[in-house]
Amino acid sequence: MSQGMIARRYAKALVNLAEKENDLDNAGKNLSALTEVYKENTELREVLSDIKVSSRAKLEILKGVLNEIKAPALVDTFSRYLLTRIGSTVIDGSIQTHLNQIRQSIIRG
């Protein structure tokens, strides 16, 4: 299964959960903030993709970023799950897919 397909599945699940919690707009804003931090910080991308850095250390770093942007529990859990299950290489793609789905859901809603 391609990373794009995996990213779409995770993004769809997150959109469904955010809709159930009536938190779609907030989730989108927080994922946008996370995407910006990820894109703008080369060191963050390198550390999260470095196989020499332990999963525990990567989770602590991501936790710090999520705390800084004040991510709600749903976005926090989603982001940490992606990192532990799939790795950092899909984080950016999955977040972008999710943001697109949020935009579509808001337009439909």
C-alpha atoms as a PDB file:
ATOM      1  CA  MET A   1       0.000   0.000   0.000  1.00  0.00           C
ATOM      2  CA  SER A   2       1.413   3.399  -0.973  1.00  0.00           C
ATOM      3  CA  GLN A   3       2.159   6.087   1.590  1.00  0.00           C
ATOM      4  CA  GLY A   4      -0.329   8.356  -0.156  1.00  0.00           C
ATOM      5  CA  MET A   5      -3.094   5.806   0.292  1.00  0.00           C
ATOM      6  CA  ILE A   6      -2.153   5.292   3.940  1.00  0.00           C
ATOM      7  CA  ALA A   7      -2.112   9.053   4.482  1.00  0.00           C
ATOM      8  CA  ARG A   8      -5.582   9.421   2.953  1.00  0.00           C
ATOM      9  CA  ARG A   9      -7.001   6.708   5.206  1.00  0.00           C
ATOM     10  CA  TYR A  10      -5.584   8.297   8.341  1.00  0.00           C
ATOM     11  CA  ALA A  11      -6.703  11.740   7.232  1.00  0.00           C
ATOM     12  CA  LYS A  12     -10.234  10.496   6.546  1.00  0.00           C
ATOM     13  CA  ALA A  13     -10.399   8.906  10.000  1.00  0.00           C
ATOM     14  CA  LEU A  14      -9.240  12.148  11.603  1.00  0.00           C
ATOM     15  CA  VAL A  15     -11.798  14.185   9.670  1.00  0.00           C
ATOM     16  CA  ASN A  16     -14.552  11.825  10.836  1.00  0.00           C
ATOM     17  CA  LEU A  17     -13.445  12.106  14.471  1.00  0.00           C
ATOM     18  CA  ALA A  18     -13.128  15.891  14.276  1.00  0.00           C
ATOM     19  CA  GLU A  19     -16.624  16.123  12.764  1.00  0.00           C
ATOM     20  CA  LYS A  20     -18.058  13.949  15.561  1.00  0.00           C
ATOM     21  CA  GLU A  21     -16.478  16.261  18.123  1.00  0.00           C
ATOM     22  CA  ASN A  22     -17.606  19.397  16.229  1.00  0.00           C
ATOM     23  CA  ASP A  23     -13.952  20.429  16.136  1.00  0.00           C
ATOM     24  CA  LEU A  24     -13.184  20.335  12.434  1.00  0.00           C
ATOM     25  CA  ASP A  25     -12.109  23.963  12.113  1.00  0.00           C
ATOM     26  CA  ASN A  26      -9.878  23.832  15.204  1.00  0.00           C
ATOM     27  CA  ALA A  27      -8.260  20.579  14.073  1.00  0.00           C
ATOM     28  CA  GLY A  28      -7.551  22.140  10.703  1.00  0.00           C
ATOM     29  CA  LYS A  29      -5.967  25.224  12.253  1.00  0.00           C
ATOM     30  CA  ASN A  30      -3.749  23.125  14.499  1.00  0.00           C
ATOM     31  CA  LEU A  31      -2.662  20.848  11.696  1.00  0.00           C
ATOM     32  CA  SER A  32      -1.837  23.910   9.607  1.00  0.00           C
ATOM     33  CA  ALA A  33       0.338  25.174  12.446  1.00  0.00           C
ATOM     34  CA  LEU A  34       2.044  21.786  12.772  1.00  0.00           C
ATOM     35  CA  THR A  35       2.645  21.663   9.029  1.00  0.00           C
ATOM     36  CA  GLU A  36       4.243  25.122   9.097  1.00  0.00           C
ATOM     37  CA  VAL A  37       6.570  24.178  11.952  1.00  0.00           C
ATOM     38  CA  TYR A  38       7.505  20.957  10.168  1.00  0.00           C
ATOM     39  CA  LYS A  39       8.149  22.680   6.835  1.00  0.00           C
ATOM     40  CA  GLU A  40      10.090  25.613   8.278  1.00  0.00           C
ATOM     41  CA  ASN A  41      12.323  23.618  10.617  1.00  0.00           C
ATOM     42  CA  THR A  42      14.925  21.585   8.757  1.00  0.00           C
ATOM     43  CA  GLU A  43      16.421  20.315  12.003  1.00  0.00           C
ATOM     44  CA  LEU A  44      13.030  18.998  13.139  1.00  0.00           C
ATOM     45  CA  ARG A  45      12.534  17.120   9.869  1.00  0.00           C
ATOM     46  CA  GLU A  46      16.035  15.675  10.053  1.00  0.00           C
ATOM     47  CA  VAL A  47      15.684  14.499  13.639  1.00  0.00           C
ATOM     48  CA  LEU A  48      12.265  12.950  13.075  1.00  0.00           C
ATOM     49  CA  SER A  49      13.533  11.051  10.040  1.00  0.00           C
ATOM     50  CA  ASP A  50      16.874   9.988  11.550  1.00  0.00           C
ATOM     51  CA  ILE A  51      16.891   6.233  12.205  1.00  0.00           C
ATOM     52  CA  LYS A  52      19.596   6.745  14.856  1.00  0.00           C
ATOM     53  CA  VAL A  53      17.224   8.808  17.017  1.00  0.00           C
ATOM     54  CA  SER A  54      15.072   6.650  19.277  1.00  0.00           C
ATOM     55  CA  SER A  55      11.306   6.569  18.914  1.00  0.00           C
ATOM     56  CA  ARG A  56      10.998   7.804  22.481  1.00  0.00           C
ATOM     57  CA  ALA A  57      13.172  10.848  21.733  1.00  0.00           C
ATOM     58  CA  LYS A  58      11.199  11.581  18.561  1.00  0.00           C
ATOM     59  CA  LEU A  59       7.926  11.411  20.496  1.00  0.00           C
ATOM     60  CA  GLU A  60       9.270  13.806  23.127  1.00  0.00           C
ATOM     61  CA  ILE A  61      10.317  16.272  20.439  1.00  0.00           C
ATOM     62  CA  LEU A  62       6.939  16.024  18.714  1.00  0.00           C
ATOM     63  CA  LYS A  63       5.196  16.394  22.071  1.00  0.00           C
ATOM     64  CA  GLY A  64       7.076  19.659  22.619  1.00  0.00           C
ATOM     65  CA  VAL A  65       6.010  20.977  19.226  1.00  0.00           C
ATOM     66  CA  LEU A  66       2.396  19.959  19.837  1.00  0.00           C
ATOM     67  CA  ASN A  67       2.434  21.650  23.255  1.00  0.00           C
ATOM     68  CA  GLU A  68       3.855  24.812  21.731  1.00  0.00           C
ATOM     69  CA  ILE A  69       1.074  25.075  19.164  1.00  0.00           C
ATOM     70  CA  LYS A  70      -1.461  24.089  21.847  1.00  0.00           C
ATOM     71  CA  ALA A  71      -2.765  21.182  19.795  1.00  0.00           C
ATOM     72  CA  PRO A  72      -5.986  19.603  21.068  1.00  0.00           C
ATOM     73  CA  ALA A  73      -5.959  15.960  22.163  1.00  0.00           C
ATOM     74  CA  LEU A  74      -7.277  14.730  18.812  1.00  0.00           C
ATOM     75  CA  VAL A  75      -4.472  16.338  16.797  1.00  0.00           C
ATOM     76  CA  ASP A  76      -1.903  15.325  19.425  1.00  0.00           C
ATOM     77  CA  THR A  77      -2.952  11.685  19.327  1.00  0.00           C
ATOM     78  CA  PHE A  78      -3.178  11.638  15.525  1.00  0.00           C
ATOM     79  CA  SER A  79       0.285  13.145  15.075  1.00  0.00           C
ATOM     80  CA  ARG A  80       1.986  10.904  17.611  1.00  0.00           C
ATOM     81  CA  TYR A  81       0.284   7.835  16.179  1.00  0.00           C
ATOM     82  CA  LEU A  82       1.521   8.682  12.697  1.00  0.00           C
ATOM     83  CA  LEU A  83       5.055   9.099  13.966  1.00  0.00           C
ATOM     84  CA  THR A  84       5.110   5.810  15.881  1.00  0.00           C
ATOM     85  CA  ARG A  85       3.273   3.669  13.347  1.00  0.00           C
ATOM     86  CA  ILE A  86       4.375   5.064  10.034  1.00  0.00           C
ATOM     87  CA  GLY A  87       7.308   7.367  10.661  1.00  0.00           C
ATOM     88  CA  SER A  88       8.022  10.962   9.865  1.00  0.00           C
ATOM     89  CA  THR A  89       8.137  10.486   6.105  1.00  0.00           C
ATOM     90  CA  VAL A  90       4.365  10.387   5.903  1.00  0.00           C
ATOM     91  CA  ILE A  91       3.598  13.080   8.492  1.00  0.00           C
ATOM     92  CA  ASP A  92       3.781  15.956   6.059  1.00  0.00           C
ATOM     93  CA  GLY A  93       1.802  14.167   3.335  1.00  0.00           C
ATOM     94  CA  SER A  94      -0.851  12.963   5.740  1.00  0.00           C
ATOM     95  CA  ILE A  95      -1.282  16.387   7.263  1.00  0.00           C
ATOM     96  CA  GLN A  96      -1.671  17.968   3.839  1.00  0.00           C
ATOM     97  CA  THR A  97      -4.211  15.334   2.827  1.00  0.00           C
ATOM     98  CA  HIS A  98      -6.099  15.955   6.045  1.00  0.00           C
ATOM     99  CA  LEU A  99      -6.126  19.709   5.553  1.00  0.00           C
ATOM    100  CA  ASN A 100      -7.573  19.272   2.090  1.00  0.00           C
ATOM    101  CA  GLN A 101     -10.297  16.986   3.473  1.00  0.00           C
ATOM    102  CA  ILE A 102     -11.093  19.497   6.230  1.00  0.00           C
ATOM    103  CA  ARG A 103     -11.453  22.267   3.670  1.00  0.00           C
ATOM    104  CA  GLN A 104     -13.799  20.103   1.610  1.00  0.00           C
ATOM    105  CA  SER A 105     -15.838  19.181   4.691  1.00  0.00           C
ATOM    106  CA  ILE A 106     -16.191  22.840   5.705  1.00  0.00           C
ATOM    107  CA  ILE A 107     -17.280  23.801   2.197  1.00  0.00           C
ATOM    108  CA  ARG A 108     -19.882  20.983   2.152  1.00  0.00           C
ATOM    109  CA  GLY A 109     -21.055  21.755   5.701  1.00  0.00           C
END
